[in-house]
N, C-alpha and C. Protein backbone atom coordinates (compact mmCIF):
# COMPACT_ATOMS: atom_id res chain seq x y z
N UNK A 1 91.46 99.97 94.84
CA UNK A 1 93.07 100.48 95.01
C UNK A 1 93.15 101.53 94.91
N UNK A 2 91.65 101.77 93.54
CA UNK A 2 91.82 103.50 92.67
C UNK A 2 90.91 104.23 93.06
N UNK A 3 90.40 105.26 93.07
CA UNK A 3 89.25 106.21 92.62
C UNK A 3 89.37 107.12 91.27
N UNK A 4 88.92 106.18 90.80
CA UNK A 4 88.76 107.97 89.43
C UNK A 4 87.45 108.60 89.45
N UNK A 5 87.71 109.72 89.77
CA UNK A 5 86.59 110.85 89.45
C UNK A 5 86.50 111.14 87.62
N UNK A 6 86.21 111.23 87.21
CA UNK A 6 85.77 111.33 85.35
C UNK A 6 84.87 112.44 85.33
N UNK A 7 85.45 113.31 84.35
CA UNK A 7 84.04 114.22 83.72
C UNK A 7 84.43 114.92 82.85
N UNK A 8 83.82 115.41 81.98
CA UNK A 8 84.13 116.78 80.86
C UNK A 8 84.45 117.64 81.37
N UNK A 9 85.47 118.21 80.01
CA UNK A 9 85.91 119.39 80.38
C UNK A 9 85.10 120.34 80.92
N UNK A 10 85.52 121.65 82.51
CA UNK A 10 84.73 122.57 82.98
C UNK A 10 83.47 122.67 83.20
N UNK A 11 83.78 120.93 84.56
CA UNK A 11 82.71 120.11 85.09
C UNK A 11 82.83 120.31 86.93
N UNK A 12 84.62 121.06 87.05
CA UNK A 12 84.63 121.13 88.28
C UNK A 12 85.34 119.56 88.93
N UNK A 13 85.86 119.35 87.91
CA UNK A 13 87.13 118.60 88.35
C UNK A 13 88.13 118.90 89.68
N UNK A 14 88.86 119.65 89.21
CA UNK A 14 90.09 120.30 89.64
C UNK A 14 89.24 121.03 91.05
N UNK A 15 88.36 121.83 90.77
CA UNK A 15 87.39 122.12 92.23
C UNK A 15 87.31 120.99 93.04
N UNK A 16 86.69 119.86 92.76
CA UNK A 16 86.42 118.45 93.28
C UNK A 16 87.39 118.13 94.02
N UNK A 17 88.65 118.17 93.25
CA UNK A 17 90.21 117.34 93.84
C UNK A 17 90.29 118.62 94.88
N UNK A 18 90.48 119.93 94.96
CA UNK A 18 90.76 120.78 96.37
C UNK A 18 90.01 120.53 97.36
N UNK A 19 88.44 120.76 96.59
CA UNK A 19 87.74 119.80 98.54
C UNK A 19 87.51 118.74 98.28
N UNK A 20 87.70 117.88 97.47
CA UNK A 20 88.20 116.47 98.59
C UNK A 20 89.22 116.43 99.22
N UNK A 21 90.40 116.60 98.64
CA UNK A 21 91.40 117.45 100.15
C UNK A 21 91.44 117.38 101.05
N UNK A 22 90.79 118.86 101.30
CA UNK A 22 90.20 119.52 102.22
C UNK A 22 89.38 118.63 102.83
N UNK A 23 88.68 117.97 102.89
CA UNK A 23 87.37 117.08 103.79
C UNK A 23 88.34 115.63 104.16
N UNK A 24 89.27 115.41 102.88
CA UNK A 24 90.29 114.25 103.78
C UNK A 24 90.96 114.69 104.73
N UNK A 25 91.86 116.09 104.14
CA UNK A 25 92.49 116.69 105.48
C UNK A 25 92.00 116.80 106.71
N UNK A 26 90.64 117.45 106.98
CA UNK A 26 90.23 117.29 107.89
C UNK A 26 89.84 116.33 109.36
N UNK A 27 89.83 114.80 108.20
CA UNK A 27 89.03 114.03 108.51
C UNK A 27 90.57 112.63 109.11
N UNK A 28 91.66 114.01 109.62
CA UNK A 28 93.18 113.01 109.52
C UNK A 28 93.72 112.62 108.67
N UNK A 29 93.61 113.00 107.73
CA UNK A 29 94.26 111.51 106.30
C UNK A 29 95.20 112.88 105.95
N UNK A 30 95.98 111.31 105.69
CA UNK A 30 97.90 112.18 105.11
C UNK A 30 96.92 112.48 103.12
N UNK A 31 97.33 113.56 102.75
CA UNK A 31 96.93 114.01 101.70
C UNK A 31 97.88 114.83 100.75
N UNK A 32 98.83 113.83 99.37
CA UNK A 32 99.47 114.29 99.15
C UNK A 32 98.76 114.89 97.41
N UNK A 33 99.26 115.85 97.01
CA UNK A 33 98.14 116.09 95.49
C UNK A 33 99.36 116.40 94.40
N UNK A 34 98.92 116.53 93.05
CA UNK A 34 99.60 116.70 92.47
C UNK A 34 98.88 117.36 91.20
N UNK A 35 98.80 118.31 90.28
CA UNK A 35 98.20 118.80 88.85
C UNK A 35 99.18 118.84 87.80
N UNK A 36 98.40 117.90 87.19
CA UNK A 36 98.89 117.75 85.80
C UNK A 36 99.09 119.06 85.10
N UNK A 37 98.46 119.90 85.40
CA UNK A 37 98.03 121.07 84.57
C UNK A 37 97.45 122.18 85.83
N UNK A 38 98.17 123.29 84.90
CA UNK A 38 97.63 124.43 86.03
C UNK A 38 97.60 125.48 85.13
N UNK A 39 97.89 125.35 83.51
CA UNK A 39 97.20 126.29 82.77
C UNK A 39 98.58 126.84 82.09
N UNK A 40 98.25 127.26 80.67
CA UNK A 40 98.96 127.14 80.06
C UNK A 40 100.39 128.20 79.85
N UNK A 41 100.00 129.53 81.06
CA UNK A 41 100.93 130.05 81.40
C UNK A 41 102.18 129.80 82.53
N UNK A 42 102.01 128.20 82.55
CA UNK A 42 102.86 127.69 83.69
C UNK A 42 104.48 127.61 83.27
N UNK A 43 105.54 128.06 83.80
CA UNK A 43 106.60 127.66 83.80
C UNK A 43 107.21 126.17 83.71
N UNK A 44 106.67 125.25 84.30
CA UNK A 44 106.66 124.28 84.30
C UNK A 44 105.79 123.24 83.27
N UNK A 45 105.07 123.93 82.16
CA UNK A 45 104.16 123.04 81.60
C UNK A 45 104.54 121.68 81.63
N UNK A 46 105.75 121.49 80.91
CA UNK A 46 106.13 120.09 80.61
C UNK A 46 106.90 119.89 81.34
N UNK A 47 107.55 119.65 82.19
CA UNK A 47 107.44 118.89 83.51
C UNK A 47 106.82 118.38 84.51
N UNK A 48 106.11 119.09 84.20
CA UNK A 48 104.44 118.98 85.37
C UNK A 48 104.04 117.05 85.25
N UNK A 49 104.37 117.28 83.52
CA UNK A 49 103.45 116.48 83.30
C UNK A 49 104.65 114.35 82.93
N UNK A 50 105.30 114.98 83.54
CA UNK A 50 106.41 113.66 83.26
C UNK A 50 106.21 112.80 85.12
N UNK A 51 106.49 111.57 84.38
CA UNK A 51 105.85 110.50 85.39
C UNK A 51 106.71 110.95 86.16
N UNK A 52 108.25 111.00 86.28
CA UNK A 52 109.03 111.16 87.30
C UNK A 52 108.76 112.54 88.23
N UNK A 53 108.06 113.57 87.76
CA UNK A 53 107.41 114.84 87.99
C UNK A 53 106.53 114.53 89.13
N UNK A 54 105.59 113.62 88.53
CA UNK A 54 104.31 113.31 89.34
C UNK A 54 104.71 112.62 90.64
N UNK A 55 105.37 111.53 90.66
CA UNK A 55 106.51 110.93 91.72
C UNK A 55 106.61 112.26 92.53
N UNK A 56 107.45 113.08 92.34
CA UNK A 56 108.38 113.79 92.97
C UNK A 56 107.98 114.73 93.18
N UNK A 57 106.48 114.93 92.86
CA UNK A 57 105.53 116.42 93.51
C UNK A 57 104.97 115.66 94.82
N UNK A 58 104.19 114.45 94.53
CA UNK A 58 103.21 113.59 95.29
C UNK A 58 104.33 113.70 96.58
N UNK A 59 105.68 113.23 96.62
CA UNK A 59 106.92 112.96 97.80
C UNK A 59 106.95 114.14 98.22
N UNK A 60 107.25 115.23 97.49
CA UNK A 60 107.38 116.26 98.47
C UNK A 60 106.56 116.86 98.83
N UNK A 61 105.03 116.70 98.51
CA UNK A 61 104.08 116.70 99.50
C UNK A 61 103.81 115.91 100.87
N UNK A 62 103.89 114.82 100.68
CA UNK A 62 104.20 114.16 101.71
C UNK A 62 105.67 114.40 102.64
N UNK A 63 106.25 115.24 102.34
CA UNK A 63 107.60 115.42 103.16
C UNK A 63 107.61 116.69 103.72
N UNK A 64 106.58 117.39 102.81
CA UNK A 64 106.44 118.97 103.67
C UNK A 64 104.90 118.68 104.90
N UNK A 65 104.45 117.32 104.40
CA UNK A 65 103.25 116.90 106.08
C UNK A 65 104.07 116.22 106.70
N UNK A 66 104.99 115.51 106.38
CA UNK A 66 105.78 114.87 107.83
C UNK A 66 107.06 114.75 107.42
N UNK A 67 108.42 115.82 107.39
CA UNK A 67 109.70 115.33 107.16
C UNK A 67 110.14 114.14 107.39
N UNK A 68 109.88 113.53 108.55
CA UNK A 68 110.67 112.28 108.61
C UNK A 68 110.68 111.10 107.52
N UNK A 69 109.68 111.41 107.00
CA UNK A 69 109.27 110.50 105.58
C UNK A 69 109.82 110.37 104.80
N UNK A 70 110.80 111.98 104.42
CA UNK A 70 111.95 111.92 103.58
C UNK A 70 112.93 111.94 103.54
N UNK A 71 113.66 112.40 104.66
CA UNK A 71 114.52 112.98 105.64
C UNK A 71 116.02 112.01 105.56
N UNK A 72 115.69 110.54 105.48
CA UNK A 72 116.55 109.36 105.42
C UNK A 72 116.40 109.33 104.02
N UNK A 73 116.03 109.70 102.82
CA UNK A 73 115.93 109.39 101.54
C UNK A 73 117.46 109.05 100.88
N UNK A 74 118.11 108.57 100.28
CA UNK A 74 119.16 108.57 99.56
C UNK A 74 119.12 108.62 98.09
N UNK A 75 119.36 108.80 97.30
CA UNK A 75 119.51 109.91 97.16
C UNK A 75 118.77 111.12 97.49
N UNK A 76 118.70 112.43 98.15
CA UNK A 76 117.99 113.17 98.60
C UNK A 76 116.73 113.49 97.86
N UNK A 77 117.06 113.78 96.34
CA UNK A 77 116.43 114.27 95.62
C UNK A 77 115.49 113.27 94.96
N UNK A 78 115.89 111.97 95.12
CA UNK A 78 115.07 111.17 94.29
C UNK A 78 113.70 111.13 93.88
N UNK A 79 113.60 110.89 92.91
CA UNK A 79 112.08 110.56 93.04
C UNK A 79 111.52 109.84 92.02
N UNK A 80 110.80 108.66 91.86
CA UNK A 80 110.67 107.85 91.66
C UNK A 80 109.93 106.66 92.47
N UNK A 81 108.86 105.46 92.11
CA UNK A 81 107.78 104.88 91.99
C UNK A 81 108.42 104.31 93.50
N UNK A 82 109.72 103.77 94.01
CA UNK A 82 110.35 103.61 95.17
C UNK A 82 109.93 104.13 96.21
N UNK A 83 110.68 105.23 95.93
CA UNK A 83 110.75 106.27 96.95
C UNK A 83 109.02 106.78 97.02
N UNK A 84 108.38 106.80 96.76
CA UNK A 84 106.93 107.61 97.00
C UNK A 84 106.32 106.16 97.51
N UNK A 85 106.22 104.87 97.41
CA UNK A 85 106.17 103.37 98.15
C UNK A 85 106.46 103.65 99.72
N UNK A 86 107.84 103.93 99.43
CA UNK A 86 108.64 103.61 100.25
C UNK A 86 107.79 104.66 101.81
N UNK A 87 108.11 105.97 101.38
CA UNK A 87 107.03 107.26 101.60
C UNK A 87 105.76 106.67 102.56
N UNK A 88 104.96 106.44 101.75
CA UNK A 88 103.67 105.60 102.47
C UNK A 88 103.89 104.78 103.09
N UNK A 89 104.69 104.06 102.60
CA UNK A 89 104.79 102.44 103.21
C UNK A 89 105.33 102.91 105.01
N UNK A 90 105.98 103.77 105.25
CA UNK A 90 106.55 104.62 106.62
C UNK A 90 105.56 105.50 107.35
N UNK A 91 104.90 106.40 106.65
CA UNK A 91 104.04 106.88 107.04
C UNK A 91 102.33 106.07 107.94
N UNK A 92 102.56 104.83 106.80
CA UNK A 92 101.30 103.79 107.64
C UNK A 92 101.90 103.35 109.15
N UNK A 93 103.20 103.22 108.61
CA UNK A 93 103.86 102.02 109.79
C UNK A 93 104.21 102.89 110.98
N UNK A 94 104.57 104.28 110.85
CA UNK A 94 104.56 104.70 112.17
C UNK A 94 103.37 105.45 112.57
N UNK A 95 102.10 105.42 111.70
CA UNK A 95 100.97 105.72 112.57
C UNK A 95 99.87 105.00 112.07
N UNK A 96 99.82 104.13 113.14
CA UNK A 96 98.68 102.97 112.66
C UNK A 96 96.73 103.39 111.81
N UNK A 97 96.95 104.74 113.00
CA UNK A 97 95.08 105.08 112.78
C UNK A 97 95.36 105.75 111.54
N UNK A 98 96.44 106.41 110.58
CA UNK A 98 96.86 107.22 109.35
C UNK A 98 95.60 106.34 108.44
N UNK A 99 95.15 107.55 107.05
CA UNK A 99 95.23 106.71 105.79
C UNK A 99 95.80 107.88 105.31
N UNK A 100 96.14 107.01 103.65
CA UNK A 100 96.78 108.39 102.92
C UNK A 100 96.36 108.17 102.19
N UNK A 101 96.11 109.58 101.12
CA UNK A 101 95.56 109.42 99.71
C UNK A 101 96.51 110.53 98.58
N UNK A 102 96.77 109.80 97.90
CA UNK A 102 97.67 110.42 96.83
C UNK A 102 96.87 110.52 95.78
N UNK A 103 96.70 111.98 95.59
CA UNK A 103 95.66 112.70 94.94
C UNK A 103 96.33 113.26 93.44
N UNK A 104 95.99 112.91 92.26
CA UNK A 104 96.88 113.21 90.80
C UNK A 104 95.33 113.82 90.10
N UNK A 105 95.66 114.95 89.46
CA UNK A 105 94.37 115.90 88.92
C UNK A 105 94.98 115.88 86.94
N UNK A 106 93.90 115.64 86.62
CA UNK A 106 94.16 115.67 84.97
C UNK A 106 95.22 115.12 84.03
N UNK A 107 94.98 113.91 83.91
CA UNK A 107 96.48 113.11 83.71
C UNK A 107 96.04 113.12 82.16
N UNK A 108 94.92 113.38 81.62
CA UNK A 108 93.96 113.73 80.57
C UNK A 108 95.11 114.29 79.92
N UNK A 109 95.59 115.69 80.56
CA UNK A 109 96.60 117.11 79.73
C UNK A 109 97.66 116.79 79.32
N UNK A 110 97.94 115.62 80.21
CA UNK A 110 99.59 115.08 79.76
C UNK A 110 99.98 115.12 78.30
N UNK A 111 98.75 113.55 77.21
CA UNK A 111 99.34 113.89 75.98
C UNK A 111 99.21 115.42 74.94
N UNK A 112 97.95 116.43 75.46
CA UNK A 112 98.06 117.67 74.70
C UNK A 112 99.24 118.23 75.15
N UNK A 113 99.83 118.40 76.21
CA UNK A 113 101.17 118.90 76.78
C UNK A 113 102.50 118.63 75.69
N UNK A 114 102.39 117.51 76.14
CA UNK A 114 103.47 116.60 75.55
C UNK A 114 103.30 116.15 73.90
N UNK A 115 101.72 116.90 73.22
CA UNK A 115 101.71 116.71 71.73
C UNK A 115 103.04 117.34 70.91
N UNK A 116 103.10 116.76 69.80
CA UNK A 116 104.61 117.42 69.02
C UNK A 116 105.80 116.76 69.46
N UNK A 117 106.09 116.13 70.88
CA UNK A 117 107.38 115.91 70.71
C UNK A 117 107.93 114.64 70.59
N UNK A 118 108.99 114.47 71.33
CA UNK A 118 109.62 112.46 70.79
C UNK A 118 108.46 111.35 71.43
N UNK A 119 107.14 111.93 72.26
CA UNK A 119 106.13 110.84 72.14
C UNK A 119 104.81 110.66 71.07
N UNK A 120 105.33 111.10 70.40
CA UNK A 120 104.05 111.13 69.31
C UNK A 120 103.88 109.62 69.03
N UNK A 121 104.81 108.75 69.03
CA UNK A 121 103.95 107.31 68.52
C UNK A 121 103.40 106.85 69.89
N UNK A 122 103.47 107.35 71.06
CA UNK A 122 102.92 106.92 72.36
C UNK A 122 101.54 107.82 72.89
N UNK A 123 100.34 107.85 73.65
CA UNK A 123 99.77 108.08 74.23
C UNK A 123 100.27 108.62 75.68
N UNK A 124 100.47 109.62 75.45
CA UNK A 124 102.15 110.13 77.10
C UNK A 124 100.26 110.22 78.42
N UNK A 125 99.15 109.87 77.67
CA UNK A 125 98.16 110.19 79.27
C UNK A 125 98.32 108.54 79.62
N UNK A 126 98.20 107.50 78.62
CA UNK A 126 98.13 106.37 78.84
C UNK A 126 99.15 105.88 79.56
N UNK A 127 100.23 106.40 78.99
CA UNK A 127 101.34 106.06 79.77
C UNK A 127 101.67 106.36 81.32
N UNK A 128 101.05 107.54 81.09
CA UNK A 128 101.29 107.45 82.63
C UNK A 128 100.05 107.25 83.37
N UNK A 129 98.95 106.50 83.19
CA UNK A 129 98.46 105.73 83.66
C UNK A 129 98.41 104.56 84.33
N UNK A 130 99.47 104.03 83.09
CA UNK A 130 99.86 102.66 83.16
C UNK A 130 100.26 102.34 84.59
N UNK A 131 101.53 103.80 84.47
CA UNK A 131 102.25 103.70 85.74
C UNK A 131 101.59 103.49 87.24
N UNK A 132 100.71 105.11 86.94
CA UNK A 132 99.81 105.09 87.87
C UNK A 132 98.78 103.83 88.43
N UNK A 133 98.40 102.91 88.22
CA UNK A 133 97.92 102.09 87.24
C UNK A 133 97.99 100.65 88.44
N UNK A 134 99.42 100.90 88.01
CA UNK A 134 100.31 99.67 88.87
C UNK A 134 100.85 99.61 90.21
N UNK A 135 100.60 101.22 90.41
CA UNK A 135 101.16 101.24 92.56
C UNK A 135 100.78 100.53 93.03
N UNK A 136 101.64 99.65 93.59
CA UNK A 136 101.47 98.81 94.67
C UNK A 136 101.03 99.29 95.92
N UNK A 137 100.41 99.89 96.16
CA UNK A 137 100.10 101.07 97.88
C UNK A 137 99.55 99.80 98.70
N UNK A 138 99.89 100.20 99.90
CA UNK A 138 99.66 99.26 100.73
C UNK A 138 98.14 99.58 101.29
N UNK A 139 97.32 98.71 101.94
CA UNK A 139 95.86 98.83 103.21
C UNK A 139 96.54 100.28 103.62
N UNK A 140 94.64 101.02 103.60
CA UNK A 140 95.25 102.45 104.45
C UNK A 140 95.04 103.02 103.62
N UNK A 141 95.83 103.22 101.83
CA UNK A 141 95.83 104.19 101.08
C UNK A 141 95.54 104.04 100.08
N UNK A 142 94.94 105.37 99.25
CA UNK A 142 94.24 105.53 97.57
C UNK A 142 94.83 106.08 96.97
N UNK A 143 94.79 105.73 95.57
CA UNK A 143 95.16 106.42 95.03
C UNK A 143 93.75 106.98 93.99
N UNK A 144 93.79 108.30 94.12
CA UNK A 144 92.85 109.25 93.01
C UNK A 144 93.08 109.87 92.19
N UNK A 145 92.35 109.64 90.75
CA UNK A 145 92.63 110.34 89.53
C UNK A 145 91.59 111.18 88.91
N UNK A 146 91.71 112.03 89.07
CA UNK A 146 90.78 112.68 88.45
C UNK A 146 91.27 112.87 86.67
N UNK A 147 89.98 113.17 86.05
CA UNK A 147 90.26 112.98 84.41
C UNK A 147 89.52 113.14 83.45
N UNK A 148 89.78 113.52 82.28
CA UNK A 148 88.41 113.48 81.43
C UNK A 148 88.04 112.41 81.27
N UNK A 149 87.16 111.78 80.43
CA UNK A 149 87.05 110.60 80.24
C UNK A 149 87.87 109.94 78.72
N UNK A 150 88.40 109.22 78.92
CA UNK A 150 89.21 108.79 77.53
C UNK A 150 90.28 107.42 77.59
N UNK A 151 90.22 106.32 76.87
CA UNK A 151 91.16 105.39 76.48
C UNK A 151 92.06 105.59 77.61
N UNK A 152 92.59 106.61 77.83
CA UNK A 152 94.08 106.88 78.78
C UNK A 152 93.41 105.56 80.08
N UNK A 153 92.30 105.97 80.52
CA UNK A 153 91.93 105.51 81.46
C UNK A 153 91.91 103.83 81.50
N UNK A 154 92.29 103.24 80.08
CA UNK A 154 91.76 101.54 80.44
C UNK A 154 92.83 100.97 81.21
N UNK A 155 93.99 101.63 81.46
CA UNK A 155 94.57 100.33 82.79
C UNK A 155 93.88 100.78 84.32
N UNK A 156 93.08 101.13 84.67
CA UNK A 156 92.86 101.12 85.90
C UNK A 156 91.00 100.34 86.02
N UNK A 157 90.98 100.00 84.19
CA UNK A 157 89.23 99.53 83.90
C UNK A 157 89.43 97.24 84.94
N UNK A 158 90.93 97.25 85.33
CA UNK A 158 90.87 95.74 85.68
C UNK A 158 90.76 95.95 87.53
N UNK A 159 91.13 95.40 88.02
CA UNK A 159 90.93 95.55 89.13
C UNK A 159 89.45 96.33 89.82
N UNK A 160 89.67 96.39 91.26
CA UNK A 160 88.66 96.51 92.38
C UNK A 160 88.36 98.14 92.40
N UNK A 161 88.90 98.85 91.42
CA UNK A 161 88.69 100.27 91.23
C UNK A 161 87.79 101.17 91.35
N UNK A 162 87.40 102.05 91.46
CA UNK A 162 86.11 102.93 91.44
C UNK A 162 86.30 103.80 90.63
N UNK A 163 84.63 104.03 89.41
CA UNK A 163 85.31 105.02 89.08
C UNK A 163 83.76 105.81 89.68
N UNK A 164 83.18 107.46 89.39
CA UNK A 164 82.82 108.25 89.64
C UNK A 164 82.45 109.21 88.91
N UNK A 165 81.84 109.39 87.64
CA UNK A 165 81.56 110.40 87.31
C UNK A 165 80.63 111.29 87.35
N UNK A 166 81.23 112.97 87.31
CA UNK A 166 80.74 114.41 87.87
C UNK A 166 79.51 114.39 86.55
N UNK A 167 78.32 114.58 86.96
CA UNK A 167 77.62 114.76 86.53
C UNK A 167 78.02 115.63 85.66
N UNK A 168 76.93 116.11 84.41
CA UNK A 168 77.27 117.88 83.38
C UNK A 168 76.36 118.16 84.17
N UNK A 169 76.50 119.43 83.70
CA UNK A 169 75.53 120.88 84.25
C UNK A 169 74.52 120.91 83.43
N UNK A 170 73.26 121.55 84.82
CA UNK A 170 71.98 120.96 84.13
C UNK A 170 72.13 122.58 83.31
N UNK A 171 71.00 123.20 82.41
CA UNK A 171 70.88 124.07 81.56
C UNK A 171 70.46 125.25 82.87
N UNK A 172 70.22 125.18 83.45
CA UNK A 172 69.89 126.38 84.82
C UNK A 172 71.65 126.67 85.57
N UNK A 173 71.62 125.71 85.98
CA UNK A 173 73.26 125.42 86.52
C UNK A 173 74.67 126.48 85.29
N UNK A 174 74.34 126.00 84.24
CA UNK A 174 74.86 126.30 82.91
C UNK A 174 74.46 127.91 83.02
N UNK A 175 73.28 128.31 83.22
CA UNK A 175 72.83 129.63 82.86
C UNK A 175 73.73 130.36 84.20
N UNK A 176 73.07 129.73 85.17
CA UNK A 176 73.84 130.38 86.60
C UNK A 176 75.19 131.24 86.44
N UNK A 177 76.24 130.01 85.93
CA UNK A 177 77.47 130.48 85.66
C UNK A 177 78.05 131.38 84.55
N UNK A 178 77.14 130.98 83.55
CA UNK A 178 76.92 132.36 82.69
C UNK A 178 77.25 133.67 83.20
N UNK A 179 75.71 133.67 83.61
CA UNK A 179 75.55 135.22 84.04
C UNK A 179 76.32 135.21 85.07
N UNK A 180 77.24 134.65 86.00
CA UNK A 180 78.82 134.82 87.41
C UNK A 180 79.40 135.33 85.93
N UNK A 181 79.79 135.04 85.28
CA UNK A 181 81.15 134.71 84.30
C UNK A 181 80.73 136.34 83.25
N UNK A 182 79.55 136.95 83.33
CA UNK A 182 79.33 138.02 82.55
C UNK A 182 79.40 139.48 83.57
N UNK A 183 79.27 139.01 85.17
CA UNK A 183 79.23 140.14 85.78
C UNK A 183 80.75 140.55 85.82
């Protein structure tokens, strides 16, 4: 049900997310992606990591690709798990050849962004992972999560989920990257 792409900071998870989205689109997948972290200057930094915002962002991307998936939704801007799953089911039922990928990059950032807020007693990244891992996606759809390693990924440990680890940079790759950054 889920594909986890895990790697340390700065090892290309967001780049991989972008490349994966492009490759799936070329193969005629319907792809909706959400980035939990775009940078410290993001005006929506805190809102971007809330569960309903993740669902809303994915739902909006599906609606951009095919407005008919959300046109009948009432209330119009409801963004929850049920609305997201309904849009995925509708896409799959109307297009039997279609596959759907829901891609979320950076759930490890959620706890860091919300650190110091009311969620001190809970791991916000873990809470989001629990919601995502419990999604009952229909056949021909997949959840793809990109994250740094950590205990927040525990909810994905059960079931038939697949984890792919991004390899660490070699000394040669690291040197080449450093040289490019100095240029």
